[in-house]
């Protein structure tokens, strides 16, 4: 295990990334409490366990870059938005929400913070991002679209067509595939054969990187480098981020002795509650737990307590 780094040894940017991971986790936990109370009129797809990649993408984006999201977008919206209250208001379809209460959760965007488009249709954000990449190339703007997708979209023709289009017209684009190993409430390996994203990228002669371990600072640096590479080479780059969607539980089932392990996909994570040290699982699949390798635990707990109090005050 890497020895913790005391606060005086960590520069401000790394500390801000750690605080951002804590903020996205605690914000989701507070939203989860409202989900338990059935406070929202729209389905909400939590991303507990996806915080590091969302914070890293946000940090890697340059001015003028755009972001294209999927139905599971809450972590990116929180990472980019200054106000949790506006996010929660949007989930209530309140006019005070980020989109005036008109978009809800699965189509939420925030153009002022670079979130240009979100789609509830599997794989749909890919083709829109590819079109945006072509437009940025024609305009010679220097901006790079980031597009988020999931492992399920690898089964869609639009995934291949979008990569082919962007590669063929020499358009920069950063494609981030979050791989959580689930398909709704079923494990991917229970449903289909493996799909090797590294080999798919190689088939289009595109750079590929795999991110695992939830080191948010390393993720941010890697993504910033890939953004520069994509812009300079005028090529898409493909990133596979290994994530764990935390908050699953054992459901009693007659065919599975001891119960069947279930991922909630959308709705509340029933066994997750806010705390001043918001770890859900004690391994590096949990981005908050992973912070403990690189930052002083007492500093992290202090930051989490302060953030939780501030977020609860914002929502009061």
Protein backbone atom coordinates (compact mmCIF):
# COMPACT_ATOMS: atom_id res chain seq x y z
CA UNK A 1 0.00 0.00 0.00
CA UNK A 2 1.28 3.48 -0.85
CA UNK A 3 2.09 5.51 2.25
CA UNK A 4 -0.34 8.39 2.86
CA UNK A 5 0.93 11.83 1.90
CA UNK A 6 0.51 14.49 4.56
CA UNK A 7 -1.28 17.67 3.67
CA UNK A 8 1.88 19.80 3.44
CA UNK A 9 3.25 17.55 0.68
CA UNK A 10 0.22 17.80 -1.59
CA UNK A 11 -0.16 20.71 -3.97
CA UNK A 12 -3.38 22.66 -4.20
CA UNK A 13 -4.53 21.07 -7.45
CA UNK A 14 -4.34 17.54 -6.05
CA UNK A 15 -6.18 18.64 -2.91
CA UNK A 16 -8.90 20.26 -4.99
CA UNK A 17 -9.33 17.05 -6.96
CA UNK A 18 -9.70 15.10 -3.71
CA UNK A 19 -12.25 17.59 -2.42
CA UNK A 20 -14.14 17.33 -5.71
CA UNK A 21 -14.35 13.54 -5.40
CA UNK A 22 -15.71 13.92 -1.86
CA UNK A 23 -18.21 16.56 -3.01
CA UNK A 24 -19.56 14.37 -5.83
CA UNK A 25 -19.87 11.38 -3.47
CA UNK A 26 -21.59 13.30 -0.68
CA UNK A 27 -23.89 15.08 -3.13
CA UNK A 28 -25.04 11.73 -4.48
CA UNK A 29 -25.57 10.41 -0.98
CA UNK A 30 -27.83 13.35 -0.19
CA UNK A 31 -29.72 12.82 -3.44
CA UNK A 32 -29.99 9.13 -2.53
CA UNK A 33 -31.74 10.07 0.72
CA UNK A 34 -34.30 11.99 -1.32
CA UNK A 35 -34.68 9.02 -3.65
CA UNK A 36 -35.46 6.85 -0.65
CA UNK A 37 -38.16 9.36 0.29
CA UNK A 38 -39.50 9.32 -3.31
CA UNK A 39 -38.95 13.06 -3.66
CA UNK A 40 -38.40 13.08 -7.43
CA UNK A 41 -40.75 12.74 -10.37
CA UNK A 42 -38.12 11.31 -12.76
CA UNK A 43 -35.89 8.22 -12.68
CA UNK A 44 -32.42 8.98 -11.34
CA UNK A 45 -29.35 6.89 -12.18
CA UNK A 46 -26.83 7.28 -9.38
CA UNK A 47 -23.12 6.85 -10.11
CA UNK A 48 -21.76 6.02 -6.67
CA UNK A 49 -18.28 4.70 -7.39
CA UNK A 50 -17.84 6.68 -10.64
CA UNK A 51 -16.66 9.89 -8.98
CA UNK A 52 -12.94 9.77 -9.91
CA UNK A 53 -13.46 9.57 -13.66
CA UNK A 54 -16.06 12.38 -13.63
CA UNK A 55 -13.81 14.71 -11.65
CA UNK A 56 -10.83 13.84 -13.86
CA UNK A 57 -12.75 14.52 -17.09
CA UNK A 58 -13.93 17.85 -15.73
CA UNK A 59 -10.36 18.78 -14.76
CA UNK A 60 -8.98 17.73 -18.17
CA UNK A 61 -11.45 19.83 -20.18
CA UNK A 62 -10.11 23.11 -21.55
CA UNK A 63 -12.07 26.29 -22.17
CA UNK A 64 -14.35 25.76 -25.15
CA UNK A 65 -14.42 21.97 -24.85
CA UNK A 66 -17.80 20.26 -24.74
CA UNK A 67 -19.12 17.21 -22.93
CA UNK A 68 -21.71 14.68 -24.18
CA UNK A 69 -23.33 12.38 -21.63
CA UNK A 70 -25.53 9.33 -21.15
CA UNK A 71 -28.57 8.60 -18.98
CA UNK A 72 -26.13 8.02 -16.06
CA UNK A 73 -24.82 11.56 -15.95
CA UNK A 74 -25.30 12.74 -12.39
CA UNK A 75 -21.62 12.57 -11.41
CA UNK A 76 -20.52 14.69 -14.37
CA UNK A 77 -23.25 17.24 -13.80
CA UNK A 78 -22.33 17.57 -10.13
CA UNK A 79 -18.60 17.77 -10.95
CA UNK A 80 -19.22 20.59 -13.45
CA UNK A 81 -22.01 22.48 -11.65
CA UNK A 82 -21.39 25.06 -8.96
CA UNK A 83 -24.75 24.42 -7.30
CA UNK A 84 -26.09 21.15 -5.93
CA UNK A 85 -29.38 22.90 -5.18
CA UNK A 86 -29.92 23.59 -8.89
CA UNK A 87 -29.25 19.93 -9.70
CA UNK A 88 -31.75 18.74 -7.09
CA UNK A 89 -34.32 21.29 -8.27
CA UNK A 90 -34.00 19.93 -11.82
CA UNK A 91 -34.65 16.40 -10.55
CA UNK A 92 -37.84 17.79 -8.99
CA UNK A 93 -38.73 19.41 -12.34
CA UNK A 94 -38.66 22.73 -10.53
CA UNK A 95 -38.23 25.96 -12.57
CA UNK A 96 -35.23 26.76 -10.35
CA UNK A 97 -33.42 23.72 -11.78
CA UNK A 98 -30.36 23.71 -14.03
CA UNK A 99 -32.58 23.46 -17.13
CA UNK A 100 -35.61 25.23 -15.73
CA UNK A 101 -37.20 21.92 -14.74
CA UNK A 102 -37.62 20.96 -18.41
CA UNK A 103 -35.06 18.16 -18.80
CA UNK A 104 -35.14 16.14 -15.58
CA UNK A 105 -32.34 13.60 -15.17
CA UNK A 106 -31.69 11.57 -18.32
CA UNK A 107 -31.46 14.55 -20.69
CA UNK A 108 -29.94 17.12 -18.36
CA UNK A 109 -27.40 19.52 -19.80
CA UNK A 110 -25.57 22.64 -18.67
CA UNK A 111 -24.17 24.56 -21.67
CA UNK A 112 -22.71 27.26 -19.44
CA UNK A 113 -20.38 24.62 -18.00
CA UNK A 114 -19.69 22.82 -21.27
CA UNK A 115 -22.29 20.04 -20.97
CA UNK A 116 -23.75 20.36 -24.44
CA UNK A 117 -25.94 17.29 -24.78
CA UNK A 118 -27.24 14.31 -22.84
CA UNK A 119 -29.31 11.45 -24.20
CA UNK A 120 -31.31 8.66 -22.64
CA UNK A 121 -30.90 6.60 -25.85
CA UNK A 122 -28.12 4.03 -25.62
CA UNK A 123 -25.12 5.21 -27.65
CA UNK A 124 -26.83 8.33 -28.94
CA UNK A 125 -24.36 10.78 -27.40
CA UNK A 126 -21.58 9.22 -29.51
CA UNK A 127 -22.91 10.26 -32.91
CA UNK A 128 -23.80 13.75 -31.66
CA UNK A 129 -20.27 14.16 -30.27
CA UNK A 130 -18.79 12.92 -33.55
CA UNK A 131 -20.79 15.61 -35.38
CA UNK A 132 -19.55 18.21 -32.91
CA UNK A 133 -15.98 16.99 -33.46
CA UNK A 134 -16.40 17.46 -37.20
CA UNK A 135 -17.78 20.97 -36.64
CA UNK A 136 -14.83 21.92 -34.41
CA UNK A 137 -12.49 20.64 -37.14
CA UNK A 138 -14.20 22.72 -39.84
CA UNK A 139 -14.12 25.77 -37.58
CA UNK A 140 -10.52 25.02 -36.57
CA UNK A 141 -11.52 26.06 -33.06
CA UNK A 142 -9.02 23.98 -31.12
CA UNK A 143 -11.83 22.67 -28.91
CA UNK A 144 -12.11 18.94 -28.21
CA UNK A 145 -15.42 17.19 -27.49
CA UNK A 146 -15.43 14.65 -24.65
CA UNK A 147 -18.08 11.94 -24.92
CA UNK A 148 -19.04 9.50 -22.19
CA UNK A 149 -20.50 6.12 -22.94
CA UNK A 150 -20.89 2.77 -21.22
CA UNK A 151 -19.89 -0.82 -21.88
CA UNK A 152 -23.42 -1.53 -23.13
CA UNK A 153 -23.04 0.93 -26.00
CA UNK A 154 -20.17 -1.16 -27.38
CA UNK A 155 -22.91 -3.47 -28.67
CA UNK A 156 -24.49 -0.68 -30.73
CA UNK A 157 -23.61 0.05 -34.35
CA UNK A 158 -23.46 3.76 -33.58
CA UNK A 159 -20.32 3.18 -31.49
CA UNK A 160 -18.37 1.92 -34.50
CA UNK A 161 -19.91 4.40 -36.92
CA UNK A 162 -19.03 7.35 -34.68
CA UNK A 163 -15.42 6.25 -34.32
CA UNK A 164 -15.18 5.64 -38.06
CA UNK A 165 -16.62 9.07 -38.89
CA UNK A 166 -14.36 10.97 -36.48
CA UNK A 167 -11.28 9.04 -37.59
CA UNK A 168 -12.10 9.45 -41.28
CA UNK A 169 -12.49 13.23 -41.11
CA UNK A 170 -9.50 13.70 -38.78
CA UNK A 171 -11.61 15.08 -35.94
CA UNK A 172 -10.31 15.23 -32.36
CA UNK A 173 -12.57 13.58 -29.78
CA UNK A 174 -12.00 11.90 -26.41
CA UNK A 175 -14.24 8.86 -26.01
CA UNK A 176 -14.54 7.62 -22.42
CA UNK A 177 -16.26 4.27 -21.91
CA UNK A 178 -17.24 3.62 -18.30
CA UNK A 179 -17.15 -0.14 -17.77
CA UNK A 180 -18.99 -1.21 -14.63
CA UNK A 181 -19.59 -4.80 -15.73
CA UNK A 182 -23.37 -4.55 -15.38
CA UNK A 183 -26.23 -4.63 -17.87
CA UNK A 184 -29.23 -3.33 -15.94
CA UNK A 185 -29.31 -5.81 -13.02
CA UNK A 186 -27.36 -8.56 -14.80
CA UNK A 187 -23.61 -9.06 -14.95
CA UNK A 188 -22.19 -8.58 -18.45
CA UNK A 189 -20.53 -12.01 -18.38
CA UNK A 190 -23.91 -13.61 -17.67
CA UNK A 191 -25.32 -12.10 -20.85
CA UNK A 192 -22.70 -11.84 -23.57
CA UNK A 193 -19.14 -12.61 -24.61
CA UNK A 194 -16.32 -10.18 -23.72
CA UNK A 195 -15.73 -7.21 -26.03
CA UNK A 196 -12.09 -6.04 -26.14
CA UNK A 197 -12.18 -2.28 -26.46
CA UNK A 198 -8.41 -2.09 -26.90
CA UNK A 199 -8.69 -4.26 -30.01
CA UNK A 200 -11.60 -2.23 -31.33
CA UNK A 201 -9.55 0.95 -30.98
CA UNK A 202 -6.61 -0.75 -32.72
CA UNK A 203 -8.90 -1.72 -35.61
CA UNK A 204 -9.44 2.01 -36.23
CA UNK A 205 -5.75 2.76 -35.55
CA UNK A 206 -6.71 4.89 -32.55
CA UNK A 207 -4.86 5.41 -29.26
CA UNK A 208 -6.33 3.47 -26.33
CA UNK A 209 -5.82 3.82 -22.57
CA UNK A 210 -7.31 1.88 -19.67
CA UNK A 211 -7.84 3.67 -16.34
CA UNK A 212 -8.18 1.63 -13.15
CA UNK A 213 -7.47 2.12 -9.45
CA UNK A 214 -9.27 5.46 -8.98
CA UNK A 215 -6.19 7.67 -8.61
CA UNK A 216 -8.01 10.88 -9.54
CA UNK A 217 -4.87 12.97 -10.02
CA UNK A 218 -3.31 10.35 -12.30
CA UNK A 219 -6.59 10.09 -14.22
CA UNK A 220 -6.74 13.87 -14.71
CA UNK A 221 -3.14 14.02 -15.92
CA UNK A 222 -3.66 11.09 -18.31
CA UNK A 223 -6.84 12.58 -19.76
CA UNK A 224 -5.25 16.01 -20.18
CA UNK A 225 -2.41 14.37 -22.09
CA UNK A 226 -4.83 12.41 -24.25
CA UNK A 227 -6.78 15.59 -24.98
CA UNK A 228 -3.58 17.24 -26.24
CA UNK A 229 -2.73 14.15 -28.29
CA UNK A 230 -6.20 14.11 -29.85
CA UNK A 231 -6.00 17.79 -30.70
CA UNK A 232 -2.46 17.64 -32.10
CA UNK A 233 -2.93 14.43 -34.12
CA UNK A 234 -6.52 15.29 -35.09
CA UNK A 235 -7.66 11.81 -34.12
CA UNK A 236 -10.15 10.39 -31.65
CA UNK A 237 -8.69 8.70 -28.58
CA UNK A 238 -10.42 5.88 -26.71
CA UNK A 239 -10.36 5.54 -22.92
CA UNK A 240 -11.79 2.65 -20.93
CA UNK A 241 -12.44 3.54 -17.29
CA UNK A 242 -12.99 0.65 -14.91
CA UNK A 243 -15.70 1.66 -12.42
CA UNK A 244 -17.71 -0.02 -9.70
CA UNK A 245 -21.32 1.11 -9.36
CA UNK A 246 -21.57 0.87 -5.58
CA UNK A 247 -24.63 0.27 -3.45
CA UNK A 248 -25.73 -3.15 -4.74
CA UNK A 249 -27.25 -5.74 -2.41
CA UNK A 250 -28.31 -9.37 -2.09
CA UNK A 251 -31.88 -10.04 -3.17
CA UNK A 252 -33.58 -13.26 -1.99
CA UNK A 253 -34.09 -15.53 -5.00
CA UNK A 254 -35.18 -19.19 -5.13
CA UNK A 255 -32.62 -20.04 -7.83
CA UNK A 256 -29.65 -18.55 -5.96
CA UNK A 257 -28.81 -19.94 -2.49
CA UNK A 258 -27.88 -17.03 -0.28
CA UNK A 259 -29.52 -14.52 -2.63
CA UNK A 260 -28.72 -12.91 -5.98
CA UNK A 261 -26.33 -9.96 -6.13
CA UNK A 262 -28.32 -7.05 -7.61
CA UNK A 263 -27.22 -3.72 -9.01
CA UNK A 264 -30.01 -1.17 -8.69
CA UNK A 265 -29.33 0.50 -12.11
CA UNK A 266 -31.62 3.41 -11.23
CA UNK A 267 -33.40 4.54 -8.10
CA UNK A 268 -32.15 4.48 -4.54
CA UNK A 269 -29.23 2.52 -3.17
CA UNK A 270 -31.16 1.34 -0.10
CA UNK A 271 -28.25 0.52 2.19
CA UNK A 272 -26.16 3.65 1.52
CA UNK A 273 -26.42 6.65 3.88
CA UNK A 274 -24.39 9.88 4.26
CA UNK A 275 -21.50 9.91 6.70
CA UNK A 276 -18.55 12.17 7.51
CA UNK A 277 -16.24 9.63 5.85
CA UNK A 278 -18.35 8.47 2.93
CA UNK A 279 -16.70 5.15 2.04
CA UNK A 280 -19.14 2.56 0.68
CA UNK A 281 -16.70 -0.27 0.03
CA UNK A 282 -13.25 -0.73 1.53
CA UNK A 283 -11.20 -1.39 -1.57
CA UNK A 284 -9.83 0.63 -4.47
CA UNK A 285 -13.03 0.11 -6.44
CA UNK A 286 -14.34 2.90 -4.21
CA UNK A 287 -12.79 6.25 -5.26
CA UNK A 288 -13.21 7.70 -1.77
CA UNK A 289 -11.43 4.74 -0.15
CA UNK A 290 -8.67 5.11 -2.76
CA UNK A 291 -8.06 8.70 -1.63
CA UNK A 292 -6.83 7.30 1.69
CA UNK A 293 -3.66 6.01 0.01
CA UNK A 294 -2.62 9.47 -1.10
CA UNK A 295 -3.93 11.93 1.48
CA UNK A 296 -3.85 12.19 5.25
CA UNK A 297 -7.00 10.42 6.55
CA UNK A 298 -7.66 13.07 9.20
CA UNK A 299 -7.53 15.81 6.55
CA UNK A 300 -9.91 13.84 4.34
CA UNK A 301 -12.39 13.32 7.17
CA UNK A 302 -12.25 17.01 8.05
CA UNK A 303 -12.88 17.98 4.44
CA UNK A 304 -15.76 15.51 4.17
CA UNK A 305 -17.41 16.85 7.33
CA UNK A 306 -17.14 20.43 6.12
CA UNK A 307 -18.46 19.55 2.66
CA UNK A 308 -21.36 17.57 4.05
CA UNK A 309 -22.39 20.46 6.30
CA UNK A 310 -22.12 22.93 3.41
CA UNK A 311 -24.14 20.73 1.04
CA UNK A 312 -26.85 20.08 3.63
CA UNK A 313 -27.02 23.84 4.21
CA UNK A 314 -27.35 24.47 0.49
CA UNK A 315 -30.30 22.06 0.27
CA UNK A 316 -32.02 23.26 3.43
